[in-house]
């Protein structure tokens, strides 16, 4: 009996597998986050560029961790993405850009995301998922941030992913 209890306790301590829906999670290309900043502050530029990169990595990592999507490596489309960035101020405003990237990567869903900086105090992080086959937006989300700090960026991205996961648990078709 004692051995059985120890085995049960040990089993409870094992890490749980990712969300059961992860196996059927749709593939998604996540483009790098963009910054919409009409109030350029040279003193914060380097930090903001670093935060954009970190937020993009966090977003990809957490989307996979919650089983929402299987994130596709966008590196094979890097030359195309660079060309599109040179032609357009922001990729999130270019629906055909997402379509081209999705087709190049062989994935139906493409996420564009951006941070809009209203001031050093007020920012928001936005994302949208476009279905390349239908041309529809299947997901749009936004979260406000207070303060242009690492922690506020991390919390905003985490909130977006957590909210997506909670809604997906209630409606398996959410954001697909």
N, C-alpha and C. Protein backbone atom coordinates (compact mmCIF):
# COMPACT_ATOMS: atom_id res chain seq x y z
N UNK A 1 0.82 -1.19 0.00
CA UNK A 1 0.00 0.00 0.00
C UNK A 1 0.87 1.25 0.00
N UNK A 2 1.92 1.20 0.80
CA UNK A 2 2.81 2.35 0.90
C UNK A 2 3.47 2.64 -0.46
N UNK A 3 3.87 1.58 -1.17
CA UNK A 3 4.50 1.74 -2.48
C UNK A 3 3.51 2.33 -3.48
N UNK A 4 2.27 1.93 -3.38
CA UNK A 4 1.24 2.46 -4.27
C UNK A 4 1.06 3.95 -4.04
N UNK A 5 1.03 4.36 -2.78
CA UNK A 5 0.89 5.79 -2.47
C UNK A 5 2.08 6.58 -2.99
N UNK A 6 3.27 6.03 -2.84
CA UNK A 6 4.47 6.71 -3.34
C UNK A 6 4.44 6.83 -4.86
N UNK A 7 3.98 5.79 -5.54
CA UNK A 7 3.87 5.84 -6.99
C UNK A 7 2.85 6.89 -7.43
N UNK A 8 1.72 6.94 -6.74
CA UNK A 8 0.71 7.95 -7.08
C UNK A 8 1.23 9.36 -6.84
N UNK A 9 1.93 9.55 -5.75
CA UNK A 9 2.52 10.85 -5.45
C UNK A 9 3.54 11.23 -6.51
N UNK A 10 4.37 10.29 -6.90
CA UNK A 10 5.38 10.55 -7.94
C UNK A 10 4.71 10.90 -9.26
N UNK A 11 3.63 10.21 -9.59
CA UNK A 11 2.91 10.49 -10.83
C UNK A 11 2.34 11.89 -10.82
N UNK A 12 1.90 12.36 -9.67
CA UNK A 12 1.35 13.72 -9.57
C UNK A 12 2.43 14.77 -9.79
N UNK A 13 3.66 14.43 -9.52
CA UNK A 13 4.76 15.39 -9.66
C UNK A 13 5.32 15.45 -11.07
N UNK A 14 4.96 14.49 -11.92
CA UNK A 14 5.45 14.50 -13.29
C UNK A 14 4.85 15.68 -14.04
N UNK A 15 5.59 16.26 -14.98
CA UNK A 15 5.03 17.36 -15.76
C UNK A 15 3.88 16.85 -16.61
N UNK A 16 2.87 17.67 -16.72
CA UNK A 16 1.72 17.31 -17.53
C UNK A 16 2.04 17.56 -18.99
N UNK A 17 1.48 16.77 -19.89
CA UNK A 17 1.69 17.03 -21.31
C UNK A 17 1.01 18.33 -21.69
N UNK A 18 1.44 18.90 -22.81
CA UNK A 18 0.80 20.12 -23.30
C UNK A 18 -0.67 19.84 -23.52
N UNK A 19 -1.42 20.89 -23.69
CA UNK A 19 -2.86 20.80 -23.92
C UNK A 19 -3.16 19.67 -24.89
N UNK A 20 -4.19 18.91 -24.57
CA UNK A 20 -4.56 17.78 -25.42
C UNK A 20 -4.82 18.22 -26.85
N UNK A 21 -5.23 19.48 -27.03
CA UNK A 21 -5.49 19.99 -28.37
C UNK A 21 -4.23 20.34 -29.12
N UNK A 22 -3.06 20.26 -28.47
CA UNK A 22 -1.82 20.66 -29.13
C UNK A 22 -1.52 19.79 -30.34
N UNK A 23 -1.88 18.52 -30.28
CA UNK A 23 -1.61 17.63 -31.41
C UNK A 23 -2.34 18.08 -32.66
N UNK A 24 -3.52 18.65 -32.49
CA UNK A 24 -4.27 19.12 -33.66
C UNK A 24 -4.23 20.64 -33.78
N UNK A 25 -3.29 21.28 -33.07
CA UNK A 25 -3.16 22.73 -33.15
C UNK A 25 -2.77 23.11 -34.58
N UNK A 26 -3.43 24.12 -35.13
CA UNK A 26 -3.12 24.51 -36.51
C UNK A 26 -1.75 25.18 -36.62
N UNK A 27 -1.05 24.96 -37.73
CA UNK A 27 0.22 25.64 -37.93
C UNK A 27 0.00 27.13 -38.15
N UNK A 28 0.93 27.93 -37.64
CA UNK A 28 0.82 29.39 -37.70
C UNK A 28 2.19 29.99 -37.91
N UNK A 29 2.29 30.90 -38.87
CA UNK A 29 3.51 31.69 -39.04
C UNK A 29 3.33 32.97 -38.25
N UNK A 30 4.29 33.30 -37.41
CA UNK A 30 4.23 34.52 -36.59
C UNK A 30 5.32 35.47 -37.10
N UNK A 31 4.89 36.58 -37.68
CA UNK A 31 5.85 37.58 -38.16
C UNK A 31 6.38 38.38 -36.98
N UNK A 32 7.57 38.93 -37.14
CA UNK A 32 8.16 39.74 -36.07
C UNK A 32 7.28 40.93 -35.75
N UNK A 33 7.23 41.28 -34.47
CA UNK A 33 6.44 42.43 -34.03
C UNK A 33 6.99 43.71 -34.64
N UNK A 34 6.08 44.64 -34.92
CA UNK A 34 6.43 45.94 -35.46
C UNK A 34 6.11 47.00 -34.41
N UNK A 35 6.78 48.13 -34.50
CA UNK A 35 6.55 49.24 -33.58
C UNK A 35 5.98 50.42 -34.33
N UNK A 36 4.81 50.88 -33.89
CA UNK A 36 4.19 52.09 -34.41
C UNK A 36 4.47 53.17 -33.38
N UNK A 37 5.38 54.07 -33.70
CA UNK A 37 5.84 55.07 -32.73
C UNK A 37 5.95 56.41 -33.43
N UNK A 38 4.97 57.27 -33.19
CA UNK A 38 4.99 58.59 -33.81
C UNK A 38 5.68 59.62 -32.93
N UNK A 39 6.14 59.20 -31.77
CA UNK A 39 6.83 60.09 -30.84
C UNK A 39 8.20 59.50 -30.53
N UNK A 40 9.05 59.49 -31.54
CA UNK A 40 10.36 58.85 -31.41
C UNK A 40 11.16 59.46 -30.26
N UNK A 41 11.67 58.58 -29.43
CA UNK A 41 12.51 58.99 -28.32
C UNK A 41 13.82 58.22 -28.46
N UNK A 42 14.87 58.88 -28.94
CA UNK A 42 16.14 58.18 -29.14
C UNK A 42 16.65 57.49 -27.87
N UNK A 43 16.27 58.00 -26.72
CA UNK A 43 16.75 57.42 -25.45
C UNK A 43 16.16 56.03 -25.20
N UNK A 44 15.00 55.72 -25.80
CA UNK A 44 14.37 54.42 -25.55
C UNK A 44 14.40 53.51 -26.77
N UNK A 45 14.95 53.96 -27.88
CA UNK A 45 14.92 53.19 -29.12
C UNK A 45 15.56 51.81 -28.98
N UNK A 46 16.75 51.74 -28.43
CA UNK A 46 17.44 50.44 -28.31
C UNK A 46 16.65 49.48 -27.41
N UNK A 47 16.12 50.00 -26.30
CA UNK A 47 15.32 49.15 -25.41
C UNK A 47 14.06 48.67 -26.11
N UNK A 48 13.42 49.53 -26.87
CA UNK A 48 12.19 49.13 -27.57
C UNK A 48 12.47 48.07 -28.62
N UNK A 49 13.56 48.20 -29.35
CA UNK A 49 13.90 47.18 -30.35
C UNK A 49 14.17 45.84 -29.67
N UNK A 50 14.86 45.88 -28.55
CA UNK A 50 15.10 44.65 -27.78
C UNK A 50 13.78 44.07 -27.29
N UNK A 51 12.90 44.93 -26.78
CA UNK A 51 11.61 44.46 -26.27
C UNK A 51 10.76 43.85 -27.39
N UNK A 52 10.81 44.43 -28.58
CA UNK A 52 10.07 43.86 -29.71
C UNK A 52 10.54 42.44 -29.98
N UNK A 53 11.84 42.24 -30.04
CA UNK A 53 12.39 40.90 -30.30
C UNK A 53 12.01 39.94 -29.18
N UNK A 54 12.15 40.38 -27.93
CA UNK A 54 11.81 39.51 -26.80
C UNK A 54 10.32 39.19 -26.77
N UNK A 55 9.48 40.18 -27.07
CA UNK A 55 8.04 39.95 -27.08
C UNK A 55 7.65 38.96 -28.17
N UNK A 56 8.31 39.05 -29.32
CA UNK A 56 8.04 38.10 -30.40
C UNK A 56 8.40 36.68 -30.00
N UNK A 57 9.55 36.52 -29.36
CA UNK A 57 9.96 35.18 -28.90
C UNK A 57 9.02 34.67 -27.82
N UNK A 58 8.64 35.54 -26.90
CA UNK A 58 7.70 35.16 -25.84
C UNK A 58 6.37 34.74 -26.45
N UNK A 59 5.88 35.50 -27.40
CA UNK A 59 4.61 35.19 -28.05
C UNK A 59 4.66 33.81 -28.69
N UNK A 60 5.69 33.55 -29.46
CA UNK A 60 5.83 32.25 -30.12
C UNK A 60 5.89 31.11 -29.09
N UNK A 61 6.72 31.31 -28.09
CA UNK A 61 6.92 30.29 -27.05
C UNK A 61 5.61 29.99 -26.31
N UNK A 62 4.89 31.04 -25.91
CA UNK A 62 3.66 30.83 -25.14
C UNK A 62 2.53 30.26 -25.99
N UNK A 63 2.46 30.64 -27.26
CA UNK A 63 1.43 30.07 -28.14
C UNK A 63 1.60 28.55 -28.25
N UNK A 64 2.84 28.12 -28.33
CA UNK A 64 3.12 26.68 -28.38
C UNK A 64 2.84 26.04 -27.03
N UNK A 65 3.26 26.69 -25.96
CA UNK A 65 3.12 26.12 -24.61
C UNK A 65 1.66 25.87 -24.24
N UNK A 66 0.75 26.74 -24.68
CA UNK A 66 -0.66 26.54 -24.35
C UNK A 66 -1.37 25.66 -25.37
N UNK A 67 -0.64 25.24 -26.41
CA UNK A 67 -1.23 24.37 -27.42
C UNK A 67 -2.16 25.07 -28.38
N UNK A 68 -2.05 26.40 -28.47
CA UNK A 68 -2.95 27.15 -29.35
C UNK A 68 -2.60 26.95 -30.82
N UNK A 69 -1.32 26.93 -31.12
CA UNK A 69 -0.84 26.79 -32.49
C UNK A 69 0.47 26.02 -32.49
N UNK A 70 0.80 25.48 -33.65
CA UNK A 70 2.14 24.96 -33.91
C UNK A 70 2.85 26.06 -34.70
N UNK A 71 3.76 26.75 -34.08
CA UNK A 71 4.42 27.88 -34.73
C UNK A 71 5.41 27.38 -35.78
N UNK A 72 5.24 27.88 -36.99
CA UNK A 72 6.06 27.51 -38.13
C UNK A 72 7.27 28.44 -38.20
N UNK A 73 8.41 27.90 -38.50
CA UNK A 73 9.63 28.70 -38.66
C UNK A 73 9.48 29.57 -39.91
N UNK A 74 9.58 30.88 -39.74
CA UNK A 74 9.42 31.81 -40.86
C UNK A 74 10.74 32.06 -41.60
N UNK A 75 11.84 31.49 -41.13
CA UNK A 75 13.15 31.73 -41.75
C UNK A 75 13.18 31.43 -43.26
N UNK A 76 12.53 30.36 -43.74
CA UNK A 76 12.57 30.12 -45.18
C UNK A 76 11.96 31.26 -46.02
N UNK A 77 11.12 32.07 -45.40
CA UNK A 77 10.50 33.19 -46.12
C UNK A 77 11.20 34.52 -45.82
N UNK A 78 12.35 34.48 -45.16
CA UNK A 78 13.05 35.71 -44.76
C UNK A 78 13.32 36.66 -45.92
N UNK A 79 13.79 36.19 -47.09
CA UNK A 79 14.00 37.13 -48.20
C UNK A 79 12.70 37.81 -48.65
N UNK A 80 11.62 37.04 -48.71
CA UNK A 80 10.32 37.60 -49.07
C UNK A 80 9.88 38.62 -48.03
N UNK A 81 9.99 38.28 -46.76
CA UNK A 81 9.58 39.19 -45.69
C UNK A 81 10.40 40.48 -45.74
N UNK A 82 11.70 40.37 -45.97
CA UNK A 82 12.55 41.56 -46.07
C UNK A 82 12.12 42.44 -47.24
N UNK A 83 11.81 41.82 -48.37
CA UNK A 83 11.35 42.59 -49.53
C UNK A 83 10.02 43.29 -49.23
N UNK A 84 9.11 42.58 -48.58
CA UNK A 84 7.81 43.18 -48.25
C UNK A 84 7.97 44.32 -47.25
N UNK A 85 8.86 44.15 -46.27
CA UNK A 85 9.11 45.22 -45.29
C UNK A 85 9.68 46.46 -45.98
N UNK A 86 10.50 46.26 -47.00
CA UNK A 86 11.07 47.40 -47.73
C UNK A 86 10.00 48.13 -48.54
N UNK A 87 8.93 47.42 -48.91
CA UNK A 87 7.88 48.00 -49.74
C UNK A 87 6.72 48.59 -48.94
N UNK A 88 6.57 48.18 -47.69
CA UNK A 88 5.42 48.60 -46.88
C UNK A 88 5.89 49.12 -45.53
N UNK A 89 5.25 50.19 -45.09
CA UNK A 89 5.62 50.76 -43.79
C UNK A 89 5.42 49.74 -42.67
N UNK A 90 4.25 49.07 -42.70
CA UNK A 90 3.93 48.07 -41.69
C UNK A 90 3.28 46.87 -42.37
N UNK A 91 3.73 45.67 -42.04
CA UNK A 91 3.16 44.47 -42.65
C UNK A 91 1.75 44.19 -42.14
N UNK A 92 1.43 44.61 -40.92
CA UNK A 92 0.09 44.34 -40.41
C UNK A 92 -0.97 45.10 -41.20
N UNK A 93 -0.58 46.13 -41.92
CA UNK A 93 -1.52 46.88 -42.75
C UNK A 93 -1.63 46.32 -44.17
N UNK A 94 -0.86 45.31 -44.47
CA UNK A 94 -0.79 44.75 -45.82
C UNK A 94 -1.32 43.31 -45.80
N UNK A 95 -2.61 43.15 -46.10
CA UNK A 95 -3.20 41.81 -46.08
C UNK A 95 -2.51 40.87 -47.06
N UNK A 96 -2.20 41.38 -48.24
CA UNK A 96 -1.56 40.53 -49.24
C UNK A 96 -0.18 40.07 -48.79
N UNK A 97 0.48 40.87 -47.96
CA UNK A 97 1.79 40.46 -47.45
C UNK A 97 1.67 39.18 -46.62
N UNK A 98 0.70 39.15 -45.72
CA UNK A 98 0.47 37.95 -44.92
C UNK A 98 0.14 36.77 -45.82
N UNK A 99 -0.67 37.02 -46.84
CA UNK A 99 -1.03 35.95 -47.77
C UNK A 99 0.20 35.40 -48.48
N UNK A 100 1.07 36.29 -48.94
CA UNK A 100 2.29 35.85 -49.64
C UNK A 100 3.19 35.02 -48.72
N UNK A 101 3.35 35.49 -47.49
CA UNK A 101 4.19 34.77 -46.53
C UNK A 101 3.58 33.40 -46.22
N UNK A 102 2.28 33.36 -46.00
CA UNK A 102 1.62 32.09 -45.73
C UNK A 102 1.78 31.10 -46.86
N UNK A 103 1.59 31.58 -48.09
CA UNK A 103 1.76 30.69 -49.25
C UNK A 103 3.21 30.21 -49.36
N UNK A 104 4.17 31.12 -49.13
CA UNK A 104 5.59 30.74 -49.23
C UNK A 104 5.96 29.68 -48.19
N UNK A 105 5.33 29.75 -47.03
CA UNK A 105 5.64 28.81 -45.95
C UNK A 105 4.72 27.59 -45.96
N UNK A 106 3.70 27.62 -46.81
CA UNK A 106 2.76 26.50 -46.87
C UNK A 106 1.87 26.40 -45.65
N UNK A 107 1.56 27.55 -45.04
CA UNK A 107 0.68 27.56 -43.88
C UNK A 107 -0.53 28.44 -44.15
N UNK A 108 -1.65 28.02 -43.62
CA UNK A 108 -2.91 28.72 -43.84
C UNK A 108 -3.06 29.95 -42.97
N UNK A 109 -2.45 29.95 -41.77
CA UNK A 109 -2.62 31.04 -40.82
C UNK A 109 -1.33 31.82 -40.63
N UNK A 110 -1.46 33.15 -40.65
CA UNK A 110 -0.31 34.04 -40.44
C UNK A 110 -0.70 35.09 -39.41
N UNK A 111 0.17 35.27 -38.41
CA UNK A 111 -0.06 36.29 -37.39
C UNK A 111 0.85 37.48 -37.62
N UNK A 112 0.24 38.66 -37.63
CA UNK A 112 1.00 39.90 -37.58
C UNK A 112 0.72 40.51 -36.22
N UNK A 113 1.72 41.18 -35.67
CA UNK A 113 1.57 41.77 -34.34
C UNK A 113 2.36 43.08 -34.31
N UNK A 114 1.85 44.01 -33.54
CA UNK A 114 2.52 45.30 -33.45
C UNK A 114 2.24 45.94 -32.10
N UNK A 115 3.17 46.80 -31.71
CA UNK A 115 3.03 47.59 -30.50
C UNK A 115 2.85 49.03 -30.95
N UNK A 116 1.79 49.64 -30.47
CA UNK A 116 1.55 51.06 -30.77
C UNK A 116 1.92 51.86 -29.53
N UNK A 117 2.85 52.77 -29.73
CA UNK A 117 3.30 53.61 -28.62
C UNK A 117 2.60 54.97 -28.74
N UNK A 118 1.72 55.24 -27.80
CA UNK A 118 1.03 56.52 -27.75
C UNK A 118 1.93 57.53 -27.03
N UNK A 119 2.55 57.07 -25.97
CA UNK A 119 3.50 57.88 -25.20
C UNK A 119 4.38 56.91 -24.42
N UNK A 120 5.29 57.42 -23.62
CA UNK A 120 6.12 56.54 -22.79
C UNK A 120 5.28 55.85 -21.72
N UNK A 121 4.11 56.36 -21.45
CA UNK A 121 3.25 55.77 -20.43
C UNK A 121 2.18 54.85 -21.02
N UNK A 122 1.69 55.17 -22.21
CA UNK A 122 0.57 54.44 -22.79
C UNK A 122 1.01 53.75 -24.08
N UNK A 123 0.91 52.42 -24.07
CA UNK A 123 1.23 51.61 -25.23
C UNK A 123 0.19 50.50 -25.32
N UNK A 124 0.07 49.89 -26.49
CA UNK A 124 -0.76 48.69 -26.59
C UNK A 124 -0.12 47.71 -27.56
N UNK A 125 -0.35 46.45 -27.28
CA UNK A 125 0.15 45.38 -28.14
C UNK A 125 -1.06 44.76 -28.82
N UNK A 126 -0.93 44.55 -30.11
CA UNK A 126 -2.04 44.08 -30.94
C UNK A 126 -1.58 42.88 -31.75
N UNK A 127 -2.51 42.00 -32.03
CA UNK A 127 -2.20 40.90 -32.93
C UNK A 127 -3.43 40.55 -33.74
N UNK A 128 -3.15 40.01 -34.91
CA UNK A 128 -4.24 39.50 -35.74
C UNK A 128 -3.75 38.27 -36.48
N UNK A 129 -4.67 37.33 -36.66
CA UNK A 129 -4.37 36.11 -37.39
C UNK A 129 -5.24 36.10 -38.64
N UNK A 130 -4.57 35.95 -39.77
CA UNK A 130 -5.26 35.97 -41.06
C UNK A 130 -5.24 34.57 -41.66
N UNK A 131 -6.40 34.17 -42.18
CA UNK A 131 -6.53 32.91 -42.91
C UNK A 131 -6.18 33.21 -44.37
N UNK A 132 -5.06 32.71 -44.82
CA UNK A 132 -4.56 32.99 -46.16
C UNK A 132 -5.51 32.45 -47.23
N UNK A 133 -6.16 31.33 -46.96
CA UNK A 133 -7.04 30.71 -47.95
C UNK A 133 -8.33 31.49 -48.17
N UNK A 134 -8.89 32.02 -47.09
CA UNK A 134 -10.18 32.73 -47.20
C UNK A 134 -10.02 34.25 -47.21
N UNK A 135 -8.87 34.74 -46.78
CA UNK A 135 -8.67 36.19 -46.69
C UNK A 135 -9.32 36.81 -45.47
N UNK A 136 -9.85 35.98 -44.58
CA UNK A 136 -10.53 36.49 -43.38
C UNK A 136 -9.56 36.63 -42.21
N UNK A 137 -9.85 37.62 -41.36
CA UNK A 137 -9.18 37.69 -40.07
C UNK A 137 -9.92 36.74 -39.15
N UNK A 138 -9.23 35.77 -38.59
CA UNK A 138 -9.87 34.80 -37.71
C UNK A 138 -9.65 35.15 -36.24
N UNK A 139 -8.76 36.12 -35.99
CA UNK A 139 -8.49 36.52 -34.62
C UNK A 139 -7.91 37.93 -34.61
N UNK A 140 -8.44 38.77 -33.74
CA UNK A 140 -7.83 40.07 -33.45
C UNK A 140 -7.86 40.25 -31.94
N UNK A 141 -6.74 40.69 -31.40
CA UNK A 141 -6.65 40.89 -29.95
C UNK A 141 -5.79 42.12 -29.69
N UNK A 142 -6.05 42.76 -28.56
CA UNK A 142 -5.27 43.92 -28.16
C UNK A 142 -5.23 44.00 -26.64
N UNK A 143 -4.11 44.47 -26.12
CA UNK A 143 -3.98 44.68 -24.68
C UNK A 143 -3.22 45.98 -24.46
N UNK A 144 -3.72 46.79 -23.55
CA UNK A 144 -3.06 48.05 -23.20
C UNK A 144 -1.95 47.78 -22.20
N UNK A 145 -0.92 48.61 -22.29
CA UNK A 145 0.20 48.55 -21.34
C UNK A 145 0.34 49.92 -20.71
N UNK A 146 0.73 49.94 -19.49
CA UNK A 146 1.05 51.20 -18.81
C UNK A 146 2.53 51.17 -18.46
N UNK A 147 3.27 52.04 -19.09
CA UNK A 147 4.70 52.11 -18.84
C UNK A 147 5.49 51.35 -19.88
N UNK A 148 6.51 51.99 -20.40
CA UNK A 148 7.36 51.41 -21.43
C UNK A 148 8.52 50.68 -20.74
N UNK A 149 8.17 49.57 -20.07
CA UNK A 149 9.14 48.79 -19.30
C UNK A 149 9.07 47.32 -19.71
N UNK A 150 10.13 46.61 -19.45
CA UNK A 150 10.18 45.18 -19.80
C UNK A 150 8.99 44.42 -19.23
N UNK A 151 8.72 44.64 -17.95
CA UNK A 151 7.66 43.89 -17.27
C UNK A 151 6.29 44.16 -17.88
N UNK A 152 6.00 45.40 -18.25
CA UNK A 152 4.69 45.70 -18.83
C UNK A 152 4.54 45.02 -20.19
N UNK A 153 5.59 44.96 -20.96
CA UNK A 153 5.54 44.27 -22.25
C UNK A 153 5.30 42.77 -22.04
N UNK A 154 6.04 42.18 -21.10
CA UNK A 154 5.88 40.74 -20.83
C UNK A 154 4.46 40.42 -20.37
N UNK A 155 3.93 41.24 -19.49
CA UNK A 155 2.58 40.99 -18.97
C UNK A 155 1.52 41.12 -20.06
N UNK A 156 1.68 42.10 -20.93
CA UNK A 156 0.70 42.29 -22.00
C UNK A 156 0.68 41.09 -22.95
N UNK A 157 1.85 40.62 -23.35
CA UNK A 157 1.92 39.45 -24.24
C UNK A 157 1.34 38.23 -23.53
N UNK A 158 1.69 38.04 -22.28
CA UNK A 158 1.18 36.90 -21.52
C UNK A 158 -0.35 36.97 -21.42
N UNK A 159 -0.89 38.15 -21.17
CA UNK A 159 -2.35 38.29 -21.09
C UNK A 159 -3.01 37.88 -22.40
N UNK A 160 -2.47 38.34 -23.52
CA UNK A 160 -3.07 38.01 -24.82
C UNK A 160 -3.10 36.50 -25.04
N UNK A 161 -2.01 35.83 -24.74
CA UNK A 161 -1.95 34.38 -24.96
C UNK A 161 -2.85 33.66 -23.97
N UNK A 162 -2.83 34.07 -22.72
CA UNK A 162 -3.69 33.43 -21.71
C UNK A 162 -5.17 33.59 -22.08
N UNK A 163 -5.55 34.79 -22.50
CA UNK A 163 -6.94 35.04 -22.90
C UNK A 163 -7.32 34.18 -24.11
N UNK A 164 -6.42 34.08 -25.07
CA UNK A 164 -6.68 33.24 -26.23
C UNK A 164 -6.89 31.79 -25.80
N UNK A 165 -6.03 31.29 -24.92
CA UNK A 165 -6.14 29.90 -24.46
C UNK A 165 -7.45 29.67 -23.71
N UNK A 166 -7.84 30.62 -22.87
CA UNK A 166 -9.09 30.47 -22.12
C UNK A 166 -10.29 30.46 -23.06
N UNK A 167 -10.28 31.32 -24.05
CA UNK A 167 -11.39 31.35 -25.01
C UNK A 167 -11.40 30.10 -25.88
N UNK A 168 -10.21 29.62 -26.24
CA UNK A 168 -10.12 28.40 -27.05
C UNK A 168 -10.66 27.21 -26.28
N UNK A 169 -10.45 27.19 -24.95
CA UNK A 169 -10.96 26.10 -24.12
C UNK A 169 -12.49 26.06 -24.16
N UNK A 170 -13.11 27.22 -24.26
CA UNK A 170 -14.57 27.30 -24.33
C UNK A 170 -15.10 27.07 -25.74
N UNK A 171 -14.32 27.49 -26.74
CA UNK A 171 -14.72 27.37 -28.14
C UNK A 171 -13.52 26.89 -28.94
N UNK A 172 -13.43 25.60 -29.22
CA UNK A 172 -12.26 25.05 -29.92
C UNK A 172 -11.98 25.69 -31.28
N UNK A 173 -12.96 26.35 -31.88
CA UNK A 173 -12.75 27.00 -33.17
C UNK A 173 -12.23 28.42 -33.06
N UNK A 174 -12.08 28.92 -31.84
CA UNK A 174 -11.65 30.31 -31.62
C UNK A 174 -10.24 30.53 -32.18
N UNK A 175 -10.12 31.49 -33.07
CA UNK A 175 -8.81 31.84 -33.63
C UNK A 175 -8.25 30.84 -34.61
N UNK A 176 -9.12 29.99 -35.15
CA UNK A 176 -8.66 28.99 -36.12
C UNK A 176 -9.16 29.38 -37.48
